C-alpha cells in the first residue's frame, strides 16, 4: 500500500479527523468555523488539520486573511482504490443499476417488500 494511503488511514483513525473531513465535504471552512462544531480547542483543530493536510486529504487556500480548508478528492482516491478491492462485483453492478434507474436484468430473483430474503415464491 502506498505511503500516502497509509498516512490517510492513520489520519482517519482519529474520530475528530473523520468528523472534520465530513464537515469539509460540504464547503471550504476556516479553522474558527471548524472549531465551532467540535468540543475541542481551536489549537487541537489546527493540529488535526495539519495531520489531514500531511496525509493529502485536505488542502488550504488563503482567502483574504483567513485560511480556508477544503477536501482533496484526489487525496481520497488511494483509499477508495484500496477499499474497492473488497467491494464485490455484484454489489458494484447493483449500485450502477440503482443509480441508472434501470432494472438489473441478471435473472436473479427479485426481493419484494413484505417478504423475507429466504421466502420462496
PDB file of N, CA and C in Angstrom:
ATOM      1  N   UNK A   1       0.857  -1.177   0.000  1.00  0.00           N
ATOM      2  CA  UNK A   1       0.000   0.000   0.000  1.00  0.00           C
ATOM      3  C   UNK A   1       0.895   1.231   0.000  1.00  0.00           C
ATOM      4  N   UNK A   2       0.530   2.210  -0.790  1.00  0.00           N
ATOM      5  CA  UNK A   2       1.343   3.422  -0.917  1.00  0.00           C
ATOM      6  C   UNK A   2       1.412   4.162   0.409  1.00  0.00           C
ATOM      7  N   UNK A   3       2.506   4.895   0.600  1.00  0.00           N
ATOM      8  CA  UNK A   3       2.709   5.653   1.837  1.00  0.00           C
ATOM      9  C   UNK A   3       1.595   6.670   2.057  1.00  0.00           C
ATOM     10  N   UNK A   4       1.103   7.277   0.971  1.00  0.00           N
ATOM     11  CA  UNK A   4       0.023   8.259   1.101  1.00  0.00           C
ATOM     12  C   UNK A   4      -1.229   7.588   1.650  1.00  0.00           C
ATOM     13  N   UNK A   5      -1.543   6.410   1.157  1.00  0.00           N
ATOM     14  CA  UNK A   5      -2.719   5.692   1.644  1.00  0.00           C
ATOM     15  C   UNK A   5      -2.537   5.302   3.093  1.00  0.00           C
ATOM     16  N   UNK A   6      -1.345   4.859   3.462  1.00  0.00           N
ATOM     17  CA  UNK A   6      -1.067   4.522   4.864  1.00  0.00           C
ATOM     18  C   UNK A   6      -1.284   5.744   5.741  1.00  0.00           C
ATOM     19  N   UNK A   7      -0.764   6.894   5.314  1.00  0.00           N
ATOM     20  CA  UNK A   7      -0.921   8.134   6.084  1.00  0.00           C
ATOM     21  C   UNK A   7      -2.389   8.520   6.175  1.00  0.00           C
ATOM     22  N   UNK A   8      -3.138   8.315   5.108  1.00  0.00           N
ATOM     23  CA  UNK A   8      -4.565   8.649   5.114  1.00  0.00           C
ATOM     24  C   UNK A   8      -5.317   7.761   6.101  1.00  0.00           C
ATOM     25  N   UNK A   9      -5.021   6.470   6.110  1.00  0.00           N
ATOM     26  CA  UNK A   9      -5.682   5.577   7.067  1.00  0.00           C
ATOM     27  C   UNK A   9      -5.338   5.962   8.500  1.00  0.00           C
ATOM     28  N   UNK A  10      -4.067   6.281   8.736  1.00  0.00           N
ATOM     29  CA  UNK A  10      -3.677   6.710  10.085  1.00  0.00           C
ATOM     30  C   UNK A  10      -4.400   7.991  10.473  1.00  0.00           C
ATOM     31  N   UNK A  11      -4.490   8.931   9.543  1.00  0.00           N
ATOM     32  CA  UNK A  11      -5.169  10.196   9.829  1.00  0.00           C
ATOM     33  C   UNK A  11      -6.641   9.963  10.155  1.00  0.00           C
ATOM     34  N   UNK A  12      -7.281   9.074   9.433  1.00  0.00           N
ATOM     35  CA  UNK A  12      -8.718   8.851   9.623  1.00  0.00           C
ATOM     36  C   UNK A  12      -9.038   7.920  10.785  1.00  0.00           C
ATOM     37  N   UNK A  13      -8.015   7.394  11.427  1.00  0.00           N
ATOM     38  CA  UNK A  13      -8.252   6.532  12.591  1.00  0.00           C
ATOM     39  C   UNK A  13      -8.771   7.339  13.774  1.00  0.00           C
ATOM     40  N   UNK A  14      -8.568   8.646  13.755  1.00  0.00           N
ATOM     41  CA  UNK A  14      -8.972   9.509  14.863  1.00  0.00           C
ATOM     42  C   UNK A  14     -10.357  10.083  14.566  1.00  0.00           C
ATOM     43  N   UNK A  15     -11.333   9.905  15.469  1.00  0.00           N
ATOM     44  CA  UNK A  15     -12.719  10.327  15.202  1.00  0.00           C
ATOM     45  C   UNK A  15     -12.896  11.820  14.891  1.00  0.00           C
ATOM     46  N   UNK A  16     -12.160  12.693  15.547  1.00  0.00           N
ATOM     47  CA  UNK A  16     -12.300  14.121  15.249  1.00  0.00           C
ATOM     48  C   UNK A  16     -11.889  14.426  13.806  1.00  0.00           C
ATOM     49  N   UNK A  17     -10.862  13.743  13.337  1.00  0.00           N
ATOM     50  CA  UNK A  17     -10.411  13.984  11.959  1.00  0.00           C
ATOM     51  C   UNK A  17     -11.450  13.516  10.956  1.00  0.00           C
ATOM     52  N   UNK A  18     -12.089  12.383  11.249  1.00  0.00           N
ATOM     53  CA  UNK A  18     -13.168  11.932  10.357  1.00  0.00           C
ATOM     54  C   UNK A  18     -14.296  12.950  10.359  1.00  0.00           C
ATOM     55  N   UNK A  19     -14.616  13.483  11.525  1.00  0.00           N
ATOM     56  CA  UNK A  19     -15.664  14.495  11.622  1.00  0.00           C
ATOM     57  C   UNK A  19     -15.301  15.765  10.872  1.00  0.00           C
ATOM     58  N   UNK A  20     -14.062  16.181  10.982  1.00  0.00           N
ATOM     59  CA  UNK A  20     -13.601  17.374  10.261  1.00  0.00           C
ATOM     60  C   UNK A  20     -13.707  17.148   8.753  1.00  0.00           C
ATOM     61  N   UNK A  21     -13.290  15.980   8.294  1.00  0.00           N
ATOM     62  CA  UNK A  21     -13.368  15.675   6.868  1.00  0.00           C
ATOM     63  C   UNK A  21     -14.822  15.701   6.390  1.00  0.00           C
ATOM     64  N   UNK A  22     -15.712  15.122   7.177  1.00  0.00           N
ATOM     65  CA  UNK A  22     -17.141  15.157   6.819  1.00  0.00           C
ATOM     66  C   UNK A  22     -17.653  16.593   6.763  1.00  0.00           C
ATOM     67  N   UNK A  23     -17.251  17.399   7.706  1.00  0.00           N
ATOM     68  CA  UNK A  23     -17.682  18.795   7.746  1.00  0.00           C
ATOM     69  C   UNK A  23     -17.181  19.553   6.513  1.00  0.00           C
ATOM     70  N   UNK A  24     -15.960  19.305   6.109  1.00  0.00           N
ATOM     71  CA  UNK A  24     -15.388  19.987   4.959  1.00  0.00           C
ATOM     72  C   UNK A  24     -15.972  19.505   3.637  1.00  0.00           C
ATOM     73  N   UNK A  25     -16.611  18.371   3.660  1.00  0.00           N
ATOM     74  CA  UNK A  25     -17.209  17.815   2.446  1.00  0.00           C
ATOM     75  C   UNK A  25     -18.215  18.787   1.842  1.00  0.00           C
ATOM     76  N   UNK A  26     -18.908  19.535   2.699  1.00  0.00           N
ATOM     77  CA  UNK A  26     -19.940  20.441   2.223  1.00  0.00           C
ATOM     78  C   UNK A  26     -19.412  21.697   1.558  1.00  0.00           C
ATOM     79  N   UNK A  27     -18.379  22.300   2.139  1.00  0.00           N
ATOM     80  CA  UNK A  27     -17.817  23.538   1.599  1.00  0.00           C
ATOM     81  C   UNK A  27     -16.529  23.862   2.340  1.00  0.00           C
ATOM     82  N   UNK A  28     -15.703  24.738   1.755  1.00  0.00           N
ATOM     83  CA  UNK A  28     -14.475  25.156   2.446  1.00  0.00           C
ATOM     84  C   UNK A  28     -14.825  25.882   3.747  1.00  0.00           C
ATOM     85  N   UNK A  29     -13.991  25.685   4.767  1.00  0.00           N
ATOM     86  CA  UNK A  29     -14.223  26.320   6.065  1.00  0.00           C
ATOM     87  C   UNK A  29     -12.905  26.757   6.683  1.00  0.00           C
ATOM     88  N   UNK A  30     -12.996  27.758   7.542  1.00  0.00           N
ATOM     89  CA  UNK A  30     -11.831  28.222   8.291  1.00  0.00           C
ATOM     90  C   UNK A  30     -11.684  27.393   9.560  1.00  0.00           C
ATOM     91  N   UNK A  31     -10.520  27.498  10.179  1.00  0.00           N
ATOM     92  CA  UNK A  31     -10.283  26.796  11.442  1.00  0.00           C
ATOM     93  C   UNK A  31     -11.319  27.213  12.482  1.00  0.00           C
ATOM     94  N   UNK A  32     -11.638  28.502  12.529  1.00  0.00           N
ATOM     95  CA  UNK A  32     -12.609  29.004  13.506  1.00  0.00           C
ATOM     96  C   UNK A  32     -13.977  28.361  13.293  1.00  0.00           C
ATOM     97  N   UNK A  33     -14.410  28.277  12.022  1.00  0.00           N
ATOM     98  CA  UNK A  33     -15.694  27.633  11.720  1.00  0.00           C
ATOM     99  C   UNK A  33     -15.683  26.163  12.129  1.00  0.00           C
ATOM    100  N   UNK A  34     -14.597  25.496  11.833  1.00  0.00           N
ATOM    101  CA  UNK A  34     -14.485  24.073  12.160  1.00  0.00           C
ATOM    102  C   UNK A  34     -14.498  23.878  13.671  1.00  0.00           C
ATOM    103  N   UNK A  35     -13.696  24.676  14.375  1.00  0.00           N
ATOM    104  CA  UNK A  35     -13.607  24.549  15.837  1.00  0.00           C
ATOM    105  C   UNK A  35     -14.965  24.776  16.493  1.00  0.00           C
ATOM    106  N   UNK A  36     -15.796  25.633  15.900  1.00  0.00           N
ATOM    107  CA  UNK A  36     -17.118  25.888  16.454  1.00  0.00           C
ATOM    108  C   UNK A  36     -18.044  24.687  16.410  1.00  0.00           C
ATOM    109  N   UNK A  37     -17.682  23.681  15.645  1.00  0.00           N
ATOM    110  CA  UNK A  37     -18.514  22.479  15.506  1.00  0.00           C
ATOM    111  C   UNK A  37     -18.075  21.328  16.409  1.00  0.00           C
ATOM    112  N   UNK A  38     -16.964  21.521  17.121  1.00  0.00           N
ATOM    113  CA  UNK A  38     -16.411  20.442  17.941  1.00  0.00           C
ATOM    114  C   UNK A  38     -16.145  20.936  19.357  1.00  0.00           C
ATOM    115  N   UNK A  39     -16.124  20.012  20.272  1.00  0.00           N
ATOM    116  CA  UNK A  39     -15.864  20.332  21.680  1.00  0.00           C
ATOM    117  C   UNK A  39     -14.370  20.169  21.975  1.00  0.00           C
ATOM    118  N   UNK A  40     -13.539  20.765  21.115  1.00  0.00           N
ATOM    119  CA  UNK A  40     -12.093  20.761  21.306  1.00  0.00           C
ATOM    120  C   UNK A  40     -11.593  22.172  20.988  1.00  0.00           C
ATOM    121  N   UNK A  41     -10.386  22.472  21.386  1.00  0.00           N
ATOM    122  CA  UNK A  41      -9.850  23.816  21.188  1.00  0.00           C
ATOM    123  C   UNK A  41      -9.514  24.069  19.720  1.00  0.00           C
ATOM    124  N   UNK A  42      -9.399  25.332  19.392  1.00  0.00           N
ATOM    125  CA  UNK A  42      -9.003  25.705  18.035  1.00  0.00           C
ATOM    126  C   UNK A  42      -7.594  25.191  17.741  1.00  0.00           C
ATOM    127  N   UNK A  43      -6.729  25.200  18.752  1.00  0.00           N
ATOM    128  CA  UNK A  43      -5.379  24.665  18.571  1.00  0.00           C
ATOM    129  C   UNK A  43      -5.424  23.169  18.225  1.00  0.00           C
ATOM    130  N   UNK A  44      -6.300  22.426  18.896  1.00  0.00           N
ATOM    131  CA  UNK A  44      -6.433  20.994  18.603  1.00  0.00           C
ATOM    132  C   UNK A  44      -6.947  20.791  17.180  1.00  0.00           C
ATOM    133  N   UNK A  45      -7.915  21.612  16.756  1.00  0.00           N
ATOM    134  CA  UNK A  45      -8.426  21.523  15.387  1.00  0.00           C
ATOM    135  C   UNK A  45      -7.298  21.798  14.398  1.00  0.00           C
ATOM    136  N   UNK A  46      -6.482  22.798  14.675  1.00  0.00           N
ATOM    137  CA  UNK A  46      -5.348  23.112  13.797  1.00  0.00           C
ATOM    138  C   UNK A  46      -4.390  21.929  13.681  1.00  0.00           C
ATOM    139  N   UNK A  47      -4.147  21.255  14.786  1.00  0.00           N
ATOM    140  CA  UNK A  47      -3.266  20.076  14.758  1.00  0.00           C
ATOM    141  C   UNK A  47      -3.887  18.951  13.928  1.00  0.00           C
ATOM    142  N   UNK A  48      -5.197  18.740  14.092  1.00  0.00           N
ATOM    143  CA  UNK A  48      -5.880  17.712  13.295  1.00  0.00           C
ATOM    144  C   UNK A  48      -5.831  18.063  11.807  1.00  0.00           C
ATOM    145  N   UNK A  49      -6.026  19.335  11.479  1.00  0.00           N
ATOM    146  CA  UNK A  49      -5.968  19.762  10.083  1.00  0.00           C
ATOM    147  C   UNK A  49      -4.579  19.553   9.497  1.00  0.00           C
ATOM    148  N   UNK A  50      -3.551  19.757  10.295  1.00  0.00           N
ATOM    149  CA  UNK A  50      -2.181  19.525   9.819  1.00  0.00           C
ATOM    150  C   UNK A  50      -1.985  18.052   9.468  1.00  0.00           C
ATOM    151  N   UNK A  51      -2.486  17.151  10.314  1.00  0.00           N
ATOM    152  CA  UNK A  51      -2.365  15.716  10.029  1.00  0.00           C
ATOM    153  C   UNK A  51      -3.127  15.379   8.744  1.00  0.00           C
ATOM    154  N   UNK A  52      -4.341  15.914   8.602  1.00  0.00           N
ATOM    155  CA  UNK A  52      -5.137  15.654   7.396  1.00  0.00           C
ATOM    156  C   UNK A  52      -4.453  16.225   6.153  1.00  0.00           C
ATOM    157  N   UNK A  53      -3.852  17.393   6.295  1.00  0.00           N
ATOM    158  CA  UNK A  53      -3.133  18.019   5.177  1.00  0.00           C
ATOM    159  C   UNK A  53      -1.899  17.197   4.817  1.00  0.00           C
ATOM    160  N   UNK A  54      -1.130  16.786   5.820  1.00  0.00           N
ATOM    161  CA  UNK A  54       0.072  15.976   5.565  1.00  0.00           C
ATOM    162  C   UNK A  54      -0.274  14.636   4.910  1.00  0.00           C
ATOM    163  N   UNK A  55      -1.471  14.124   5.194  1.00  0.00           N
ATOM    164  CA  UNK A  55      -1.913  12.859   4.595  1.00  0.00           C
ATOM    165  C   UNK A  55      -2.489  13.074   3.196  1.00  0.00           C
ATOM    166  N   UNK A  56      -2.576  14.319   2.766  1.00  0.00           N
ATOM    167  CA  UNK A  56      -3.091  14.615   1.430  1.00  0.00           C
ATOM    168  C   UNK A  56      -4.596  14.633   1.334  1.00  0.00           C
ATOM    169  N   UNK A  57      -5.299  14.658   2.467  1.00  0.00           N
ATOM    170  CA  UNK A  57      -6.761  14.594   2.449  1.00  0.00           C
ATOM    171  C   UNK A  57      -7.432  15.955   2.386  1.00  0.00           C
ATOM    172  N   UNK A  58      -6.750  16.998   2.844  1.00  0.00           N
ATOM    173  CA  UNK A  58      -7.284  18.353   2.753  1.00  0.00           C
ATOM    174  C   UNK A  58      -6.204  19.282   2.209  1.00  0.00           C
ATOM    175  N   UNK A  59      -6.661  20.386   1.675  1.00  0.00           N
ATOM    176  CA  UNK A  59      -5.762  21.436   1.200  1.00  0.00           C
ATOM    177  C   UNK A  59      -6.194  22.734   1.852  1.00  0.00           C
ATOM    178  N   UNK A  60      -5.314  23.704   1.834  1.00  0.00           N
ATOM    179  CA  UNK A  60      -5.614  25.010   2.427  1.00  0.00           C
ATOM    180  C   UNK A  60      -5.462  26.072   1.344  1.00  0.00           C
ATOM    181  N   UNK A  61      -6.424  26.991   1.318  1.00  0.00           N
ATOM    182  CA  UNK A  61      -6.403  28.096   0.360  1.00  0.00           C
ATOM    183  C   UNK A  61      -6.506  29.401   1.131  1.00  0.00           C
ATOM    184  N   UNK A  62      -5.609  30.336   0.867  1.00  0.00           N
ATOM    185  CA  UNK A  62      -5.756  31.640   1.504  1.00  0.00           C
ATOM    186  C   UNK A  62      -6.956  32.369   0.897  1.00  0.00           C
ATOM    187  N   UNK A  63      -7.734  33.003   1.754  1.00  0.00           N
ATOM    188  CA  UNK A  63      -8.873  33.812   1.304  1.00  0.00           C
ATOM    189  C   UNK A  63      -8.872  35.075   2.161  1.00  0.00           C
ATOM    190  N   UNK A  64      -8.265  36.106   1.638  1.00  0.00           N
ATOM    191  CA  UNK A  64      -8.057  37.303   2.443  1.00  0.00           C
ATOM    192  C   UNK A  64      -7.077  36.971   3.558  1.00  0.00           C
ATOM    193  N   UNK A  65      -7.478  37.260   4.801  1.00  0.00           N
ATOM    194  CA  UNK A  65      -6.612  36.939   5.935  1.00  0.00           C
ATOM    195  C   UNK A  65      -6.914  35.562   6.516  1.00  0.00           C
ATOM    196  N   UNK A  66      -7.926  34.905   5.995  1.00  0.00           N
ATOM    197  CA  UNK A  66      -8.282  33.575   6.502  1.00  0.00           C
ATOM    198  C   UNK A  66      -7.681  32.485   5.629  1.00  0.00           C
ATOM    199  N   UNK A  67      -7.519  31.335   6.241  1.00  0.00           N
ATOM    200  CA  UNK A  67      -7.074  30.138   5.523  1.00  0.00           C
ATOM    201  C   UNK A  67      -8.258  29.190   5.485  1.00  0.00           C
ATOM    202  N   UNK A  68      -8.699  28.867   4.285  1.00  0.00           N
ATOM    203  CA  UNK A  68      -9.864  28.001   4.109  1.00  0.00           C
ATOM    204  C   UNK A  68      -9.395  26.582   3.790  1.00  0.00           C
ATOM    205  N   UNK A  69      -9.961  25.628   4.493  1.00  0.00           N
ATOM    206  CA  UNK A  69      -9.613  24.219   4.301  1.00  0.00           C
ATOM    207  C   UNK A  69     -10.678  23.554   3.447  1.00  0.00           C
ATOM    208  N   UNK A  70     -10.211  22.728   2.501  1.00  0.00           N
ATOM    209  CA  UNK A  70     -11.103  22.023   1.589  1.00  0.00           C
ATOM    210  C   UNK A  70     -10.671  20.565   1.475  1.00  0.00           C
ATOM    211  N   UNK A  71     -11.617  19.709   1.136  1.00  0.00           N
ATOM    212  CA  UNK A  71     -11.311  18.291   0.898  1.00  0.00           C
ATOM    213  C   UNK A  71     -10.599  18.169  -0.441  1.00  0.00           C
ATOM    214  N   UNK A  72      -9.609  17.306  -0.488  1.00  0.00           N
ATOM    215  CA  UNK A  72      -8.910  16.981  -1.736  1.00  0.00           C
ATOM    216  C   UNK A  72      -9.413  15.619  -2.218  1.00  0.00           C
ATOM    217  N   UNK A  73     -10.368  15.603  -3.159  1.00  0.00           N
ATOM    218  CA  UNK A  73     -10.889  14.308  -3.638  1.00  0.00           C
ATOM    219  C   UNK A  73      -9.790  13.380  -4.131  1.00  0.00           C
ATOM    220  N   UNK A  74      -8.756  13.950  -4.758  1.00  0.00           N
ATOM    221  CA  UNK A  74      -7.664  13.098  -5.243  1.00  0.00           C
ATOM    222  C   UNK A  74      -6.905  12.464  -4.083  1.00  0.00           C
ATOM    223  N   UNK A  75      -6.947  13.088  -2.910  1.00  0.00           N
ATOM    224  CA  UNK A  75      -6.321  12.503  -1.731  1.00  0.00           C
ATOM    225  C   UNK A  75      -7.069  11.281  -1.225  1.00  0.00           C
ATOM    226  N   UNK A  76      -8.362  11.232  -1.545  1.00  0.00           N
ATOM    227  CA  UNK A  76      -9.178  10.087  -1.137  1.00  0.00           C
ATOM    228  C   UNK A  76      -9.105   8.938  -2.140  1.00  0.00           C
ATOM    229  N   UNK A  77      -8.539   9.193  -3.314  1.00  0.00           N
ATOM    230  CA  UNK A  77      -8.509   8.181  -4.375  1.00  0.00           C
ATOM    231  C   UNK A  77      -7.778   6.909  -3.949  1.00  0.00           C
ATOM    232  N   UNK A  78      -6.659   7.047  -3.248  1.00  0.00           N
ATOM    233  CA  UNK A  78      -5.924   5.855  -2.802  1.00  0.00           C
ATOM    234  C   UNK A  78      -6.738   5.010  -1.839  1.00  0.00           C
ATOM    235  N   UNK A  79      -7.473   5.681  -0.940  1.00  0.00           N
ATOM    236  CA  UNK A  79      -8.344   4.952  -0.011  1.00  0.00           C
ATOM    237  C   UNK A  79      -9.459   4.248  -0.777  1.00  0.00           C
ATOM    238  N   UNK A  80     -10.067   4.977  -1.709  1.00  0.00           N
ATOM    239  CA  UNK A  80     -11.158   4.399  -2.498  1.00  0.00           C
ATOM    240  C   UNK A  80     -10.661   3.183  -3.272  1.00  0.00           C
ATOM    241  N   UNK A  81      -9.495   3.301  -3.898  1.00  0.00           N
ATOM    242  CA  UNK A  81      -8.954   2.190  -4.677  1.00  0.00           C
ATOM    243  C   UNK A  81      -8.663   0.977  -3.799  1.00  0.00           C
ATOM    244  N   UNK A  82      -8.111   1.222  -2.608  1.00  0.00           N
ATOM    245  CA  UNK A  82      -7.830   0.123  -1.694  1.00  0.00           C
ATOM    246  C   UNK A  82      -9.127  -0.564  -1.274  1.00  0.00           C
ATOM    247  N   UNK A  83     -10.126   0.218  -0.875  1.00  0.00           N
ATOM    248  CA  UNK A  83     -11.385  -0.355  -0.411  1.00  0.00           C
ATOM    249  C   UNK A  83     -12.158  -1.030  -1.539  1.00  0.00           C
ATOM    250  N   UNK A  84     -11.963  -0.573  -2.772  1.00  0.00           N
ATOM    251  CA  UNK A  84     -12.647  -1.179  -3.915  1.00  0.00           C
ATOM    252  C   UNK A  84     -12.244  -2.643  -4.096  1.00  0.00           C
ATOM    253  N   UNK A  85     -11.056  -2.991  -3.627  1.00  0.00           N
ATOM    254  CA  UNK A  85     -10.623  -4.388  -3.722  1.00  0.00           C
ATOM    255  C   UNK A  85     -11.539  -5.317  -2.934  1.00  0.00           C
ATOM    256  N   UNK A  86     -12.253  -4.771  -1.954  1.00  0.00           N
ATOM    257  CA  UNK A  86     -13.122  -5.583  -1.109  1.00  0.00           C
ATOM    258  C   UNK A  86     -14.585  -5.480  -1.515  1.00  0.00           C
ATOM    259  N   UNK A  87     -14.877  -4.681  -2.533  1.00  0.00           N
ATOM    260  CA  UNK A  87     -16.249  -4.444  -2.960  1.00  0.00           C
ATOM    261  C   UNK A  87     -16.582  -5.459  -4.045  1.00  0.00           C
ATOM    262  N   UNK A  88     -17.430  -6.432  -3.749  1.00  0.00           N
ATOM    263  CA  UNK A  88     -17.743  -7.466  -4.744  1.00  0.00           C
ATOM    264  C   UNK A  88     -18.357  -6.872  -6.012  1.00  0.00           C
ATOM    265  N   UNK A  89     -18.034  -7.508  -7.146  1.00  0.00           N
ATOM    266  CA  UNK A  89     -18.543  -7.045  -8.432  1.00  0.00           C
ATOM    267  C   UNK A  89     -20.065  -6.982  -8.457  1.00  0.00           C
ATOM    268  N   UNK A  90     -20.730  -7.948  -7.825  1.00  0.00           N
ATOM    269  CA  UNK A  90     -22.194  -7.952  -7.856  1.00  0.00           C
ATOM    270  C   UNK A  90     -22.772  -6.725  -7.155  1.00  0.00           C
ATOM    271  N   UNK A  91     -22.130  -6.285  -6.075  1.00  0.00           N
ATOM    272  CA  UNK A  91     -22.606  -5.081  -5.401  1.00  0.00           C
ATOM    273  C   UNK A  91     -22.349  -3.847  -6.266  1.00  0.00           C
ATOM    274  N   UNK A  92     -21.261  -3.836  -6.986  1.00  0.00           N
ATOM    275  CA  UNK A  92     -20.981  -2.721  -7.886  1.00  0.00           C
ATOM    276  C   UNK A  92     -22.028  -2.663  -8.995  1.00  0.00           C
ATOM    277  N   UNK A  93     -22.396  -3.831  -9.542  1.00  0.00           N
ATOM    278  CA  UNK A  93     -23.428  -3.864 -10.585  1.00  0.00           C
ATOM    279  C   UNK A  93     -24.762  -3.379 -10.029  1.00  0.00           C
ATOM    280  N   UNK A  94     -25.098  -3.788  -8.811  1.00  0.00           N
ATOM    281  CA  UNK A  94     -26.329  -3.332  -8.177  1.00  0.00           C
ATOM    282  C   UNK A  94     -26.294  -1.815  -7.995  1.00  0.00           C
ATOM    283  N   UNK A  95     -25.190  -1.304  -7.537  1.00  0.00           N
ATOM    284  CA  UNK A  95     -25.035   0.145  -7.352  1.00  0.00           C
ATOM    285  C   UNK A  95     -25.269   0.865  -8.667  1.00  0.00           C
ATOM    286  N   UNK A  96     -24.663   0.381  -9.746  1.00  0.00           N
ATOM    287  CA  UNK A  96     -24.814   1.015 -11.049  1.00  0.00           C
ATOM    288  C   UNK A  96     -26.264   0.954 -11.525  1.00  0.00           C
ATOM    289  N   UNK A  97     -26.927  -0.182 -11.292  1.00  0.00           N
ATOM    290  CA  UNK A  97     -28.329  -0.317 -11.703  1.00  0.00           C
ATOM    291  C   UNK A  97     -29.218   0.650 -10.937  1.00  0.00           C
ATOM    292  N   UNK A  98     -28.988   0.770  -9.642  1.00  0.00           N
ATOM    293  CA  UNK A  98     -29.788   1.681  -8.821  1.00  0.00           C
ATOM    294  C   UNK A  98     -29.566   3.121  -9.263  1.00  0.00           C
ATOM    295  N   UNK A  99     -28.321   3.482  -9.492  1.00  0.00           N
ATOM    296  CA  UNK A  99     -28.010   4.847  -9.895  1.00  0.00           C
ATOM    297  C   UNK A  99     -28.539   5.174 -11.283  1.00  0.00           C
ATOM    298  N   UNK A 100     -28.602   4.189 -12.176  1.00  0.00           N
ATOM    299  CA  UNK A 100     -29.084   4.450 -13.537  1.00  0.00           C
ATOM    300  C   UNK A 100     -30.607   4.424 -13.607  1.00  0.00           C
ATOM    301  N   UNK A 101     -31.251   3.824 -12.607  1.00  0.00           N
ATOM    302  CA  UNK A 101     -32.707   3.723 -12.620  1.00  0.00           C
ATOM    303  C   UNK A 101     -33.218   2.577 -13.469  1.00  0.00           C
ATOM    304  N   UNK A 102     -32.313   1.827 -14.063  1.00  0.00           N
ATOM    305  CA  UNK A 102     -32.714   0.692 -14.896  1.00  0.00           C
ATOM    306  C   UNK A 102     -32.651  -0.591 -14.080  1.00  0.00           C
ATOM    307  N   UNK A 103     -33.585  -1.506 -14.329  1.00  0.00           N
ATOM    308  CA  UNK A 103     -33.539  -2.777 -13.584  1.00  0.00           C
ATOM    309  C   UNK A 103     -32.327  -3.601 -13.995  1.00  0.00           C
ATOM    310  N   UNK A 104     -31.780  -4.295 -13.034  1.00  0.00           N
ATOM    311  CA  UNK A 104     -30.661  -5.192 -13.312  1.00  0.00           C
ATOM    312  C   UNK A 104     -31.244  -6.489 -13.858  1.00  0.00           C
ATOM    313  N   UNK A 105     -30.961  -6.805 -15.095  1.00  0.00           N
ATOM    314  CA  UNK A 105     -31.515  -7.992 -15.729  1.00  0.00           C
ATOM    315  C   UNK A 105     -30.491  -9.110 -15.679  1.00  0.00           C
ATOM    316  N   UNK A 106     -30.323  -9.672 -14.488  1.00  0.00           N
ATOM    317  CA  UNK A 106     -29.328 -10.724 -14.332  1.00  0.00           C
ATOM    318  C   UNK A 106     -29.972 -12.071 -14.036  1.00  0.00           C
ATOM    319  N   UNK A 107     -31.305 -12.127 -14.163  1.00  0.00           N
ATOM    320  CA  UNK A 107     -32.004 -13.382 -13.923  1.00  0.00           C
ATOM    321  C   UNK A 107     -32.157 -13.720 -12.457  1.00  0.00           C
ATOM    322  N   UNK A 108     -31.689 -12.865 -11.588  1.00  0.00           N
ATOM    323  CA  UNK A 108     -31.789 -13.125 -10.150  1.00  0.00           C
ATOM    324  C   UNK A 108     -33.221 -12.891  -9.679  1.00  0.00           C
ATOM    325  N   UNK A 109     -33.614 -13.644  -8.672  1.00  0.00           N
ATOM    326  CA  UNK A 109     -34.925 -13.468  -8.074  1.00  0.00           C
ATOM    327  C   UNK A 109     -35.001 -12.107  -7.419  1.00  0.00           C
ATOM    328  N   UNK A 110     -36.088 -11.412  -7.612  1.00  0.00           N
ATOM    329  CA  UNK A 110     -36.258 -10.076  -7.063  1.00  0.00           C
ATOM    330  C   UNK A 110     -36.872 -10.156  -5.673  1.00  0.00           C
ATOM    331  N   UNK A 111     -36.398  -9.351  -4.782  1.00  0.00           N
ATOM    332  CA  UNK A 111     -36.958  -9.243  -3.439  1.00  0.00           C
ATOM    333  C   UNK A 111     -38.123  -8.275  -3.495  1.00  0.00           C
ATOM    334  N   UNK A 112     -39.210  -8.610  -2.818  1.00  0.00           N
ATOM    335  CA  UNK A 112     -40.365  -7.723  -2.754  1.00  0.00           C
ATOM    336  C   UNK A 112     -40.566  -7.289  -1.320  1.00  0.00           C
ATOM    337  N   UNK A 113     -40.949  -6.015  -1.109  1.00  0.00           N
ATOM    338  CA  UNK A 113     -41.231  -5.563   0.253  1.00  0.00           C
ATOM    339  C   UNK A 113     -42.265  -6.459   0.907  1.00  0.00           C
ATOM    340  N   UNK A 114     -42.098  -6.726   2.165  1.00  0.00           N
ATOM    341  CA  UNK A 114     -43.025  -7.581   2.898  1.00  0.00           C
ATOM    342  C   UNK A 114     -42.664  -9.051   2.888  1.00  0.00           C
ATOM    343  N   UNK A 115     -41.588  -9.412   2.169  1.00  0.00           N
ATOM    344  CA  UNK A 115     -41.157 -10.806   2.145  1.00  0.00           C
ATOM    345  C   UNK A 115     -39.757 -10.886   2.738  1.00  0.00           C
ATOM    346  N   UNK A 116     -39.417 -12.047   3.232  1.00  0.00           N
ATOM    347  CA  UNK A 116     -38.070 -12.265   3.729  1.00  0.00           C
ATOM    348  C   UNK A 116     -37.207 -12.739   2.580  1.00  0.00           C
ATOM    349  N   UNK A 117     -35.931 -12.505   2.701  1.00  0.00           N
ATOM    350  CA  UNK A 117     -34.996 -12.878   1.622  1.00  0.00           C
ATOM    351  C   UNK A 117     -35.015 -14.375   1.371  1.00  0.00           C
ATOM    352  N   UNK A 118     -35.321 -15.188   2.400  1.00  0.00           N
ATOM    353  CA  UNK A 118     -35.286 -16.641   2.204  1.00  0.00           C
ATOM    354  C   UNK A 118     -36.652 -17.226   1.885  1.00  0.00           C
ATOM    355  N   UNK A 119     -37.705 -16.393   1.729  1.00  0.00           N
ATOM    356  CA  UNK A 119     -39.030 -16.881   1.341  1.00  0.00           C
ATOM    357  C   UNK A 119     -38.976 -17.356  -0.096  1.00  0.00           C
ATOM    358  N   UNK A 120     -39.598 -18.483  -0.378  1.00  0.00           N
ATOM    359  CA  UNK A 120     -39.664 -18.914  -1.754  1.00  0.00           C
ATOM    360  C   UNK A 120     -40.934 -18.340  -2.368  1.00  0.00           C
ATOM    361  N   UNK A 121     -40.914 -18.168  -3.677  1.00  0.00           N
ATOM    362  CA  UNK A 121     -42.059 -17.550  -4.347  1.00  0.00           C
ATOM    363  C   UNK A 121     -43.136 -18.557  -4.593  1.00  0.00           C
TER     364      UNK A 121
END
